[in-house]
Amino acid sequence: MYNLFGSGHKLSDTKTVAHLIQTYARTKELNKGKQLHAMLIRGGCLPNTFLSNHFLNLYSKCGELDYTIKLFDKMSQRNMVSWTSIITGFAHNSRFQEALSSFCQMRIEGEIATQFALSSVLQACTSLGAIQFGTQVHCLVVKCGFGCELFVGSNLTDMYSKCGELSDACKAFEEMPCKDAVLWTSMIDGFVKNGDFKKALTAYMKMVTDDVFIDQHVLCSTLSACSALKASSFGKSLHATILKLGFEYETFIGNALTDMYSKSGDMVSASNVFQIHSDCISIVSLTAIIDGYVEMDQIEKALSTFVDLRRRGIEPNEFTFTSLIKACANQAKLEHGSQLHGQVVKFNFKRDPFVSSTLVDMYGKCGLFDHSIQLFDEIENPDEIAWNTLVGVFSQHGLGRNAIETFNGMIHRGLKPNAVTFVNLLKGCSHAGMVEDGLNYFSSMEKIYGVVPKEEHYSCVIDLLGRAGKLKEAEDFINNMPFEPNVFGWCSFLGACKIHGDMERAKFAADKLMKLEPENSGAHVLLSNIYAKEKQWEDVQSLRKMIKDGNMNKLPGYSWVDIRNKTHVFGVEDWSHPQKKEIYEKLDNLLDQIKRIGYVPQTESVLIDMDDNLKEKLLHYHSERIAVAFSLLTCPTGFIISPMVRVPVEITGNAQKLESFGKDMMLHARKPY
């Protein structure tokens, strides 16, 4: 007999050897495990099935899958533990397809599946998105009597939720007689990943009520739900729980808190949490801060934070770029967006589908369709996000036919359209006046593509019919909807009634809108404009008094222009700019020129009871004209001055902003590309 490392134990002592292998597996001492294995073979004590199973476990836990496979293949006798070890080894080392293949082979050889093997196979199904295989494994779980095993139930719940089958996840969860923290975490995480954030918070409260132990993982998932809902009050109560349980110094908890406060617009609290973790600042926490500034339209601070992270030597990730480029897209900041594009190429994120799609969106919103199309064509295998983005780019600029062609290309590639696809497509049809096409796509959503229309799709159809002047059809459509239109739906209908001069329907729509958002002035202002158009000045005065008495603020229209990385903002009859004298001289000069070629001011568009000369003056000093005049004064010859109107859905997304649609305008001065 041989002594083992001078310990006095004999190699023939199977229990002692097994204990040593377990110790090496737990402490990840691979080399010692290999030495022990070699000594057994050299000593003529070939490991039996019992010891071989321990070695399988050791090698798989240490990531030595080649050793695991060789040993498994050489075993003369295998039992359920052997099969469980190899399946678990594959699953835990991200070789999921091999885990499923081994499980199938085990079943073919007639071996009974253990609850541990089933759990590992379910984990592999989750990672592969193999829901059909997972459902069959679920049947086997029930058949083998493991339906009440907690860790099996947790993996079933996790698999169904991550594969998008939330109702089945809930059933698997409810069928468990006892629920521990892991199972609750799986369910809450499932709600979050499937966008059902309110149910995630409800589940957390039920978990607390049932006195289940709260760990940092469930707190992190629940904070994600708070971030999505911007539920700062709930998030603050979670913060208090975190402090009480002593988890505040956990890095991933700090990141989740920073993200929650940032998304809620509480940048002071976000910065305070960020400072607590200043000794371990990561790209995750910095990206959360950037996201917060982007959410609050503070793009300069977001870009400043990006510069700061680069000075610290921290490399940005795909989420950092996605957030910043999205901000540039929303504010049409082409120069900043182009610079970020250069950084994307530098850090090799050009092939990332999210980053590429955001770049497509940014150039599209800045009116550079050729750049959008070129970037889209460079994506190797564009996914649904990329296709949806390109459809959206064409739609927002009223290029309905291009949007439809892109949609057809997406279908031809075998990709399934989703709710976002149809929102973009319906908007494109609406802005291009393609009523029949839009209605056909709406009716095909559920019948052909299995996408159930939601509020936003119904609102798009109202907009589609309203823009085309089909107010009676729009009204009939509203009356037959399965639910009341949302704010955007009533805004669209009211706007259409204003354009087409339908007083009665306008009053009806305005009344509905005022009930939905009584604190916003948009509906009042638009109805006031309708009265003004009909010269019903008493009704105009009555509505304006209502706005004043209700402390509702009327949002003024602005136009702004980016020149040499500086933003210049102008209002109506704006006299605040330091170059006002030169601007107004240029404006007068332009007016003289356009009058000579036949321009006649459309004073009827000024819905105020005043003299036509005053109306003409108001039109002349419109903020848009001031911005154009300033651009012509400031930019060198050859520069392109292009309008960057905000996307209609962003402007008319609520009643408060409805009044300014068509007034807020951005111009961008740039060199020709």
Foldseek 3Di string as FASTA:
>chain_A
DDDQVPPPDDLVPVVVLLVVLVVCQVVVVVVSLVVNQVCCVVVVNHDAQVSLLSSLSSCLSNVNLVVNVVSLVPHPDYAQSNLLSNLLSCLVNVVLVVSVVSVVVCVVVPHQHDLSSLLSNLSSCQVVLVVVVNVVSVVSCVVVPNLQPASNLLSNLLSCLSNPNLVSSVVSLVPHPDHAPSSLLSNLLSCLVNVVLVVSVVSVVVCVVVVHDDDLSSLLSNLSSLLVVLVVVVLVVSVVVCVVVVNLQPVSSLLSSLLSCLSNLNLVVSVVSCVVNVVPDALSSLLSSLLSCLNVLNLVVSVVSVVVCVVVVHDHDLSSLLSNLLSCQQVLVVVVNVVSVVVCVVVVVLQPQSNLQSNLSSCLLNVNNVSSVVSLVPHPDHAQSNLLSNLQSCLLVLNLVVSVVSVVVCVVVVHAHEQSSLLSNLSSCQSVLVLVVNVVCLVCCCVPRNYDDDLSSLLSNLLSCLSNVNLVVSVVSQVPDPDHHDQSSLLSSLVSCLVVLPLVSNVVSLVVQCVRPVQACLSLVSNLLSCLLVPVVVSNVVSVVVCVVSVHDQDFFKEWEADPNDIDIFGFVGPPDPCNVQLVVLLVVVVVVVVVVPDDDPLSSPSDPDDSVVSVSRVSRQNVSSNVSVCVVPDDPQKDKAKSARRVCVQSVHSNSSNRVVRYIYIYTGHDD
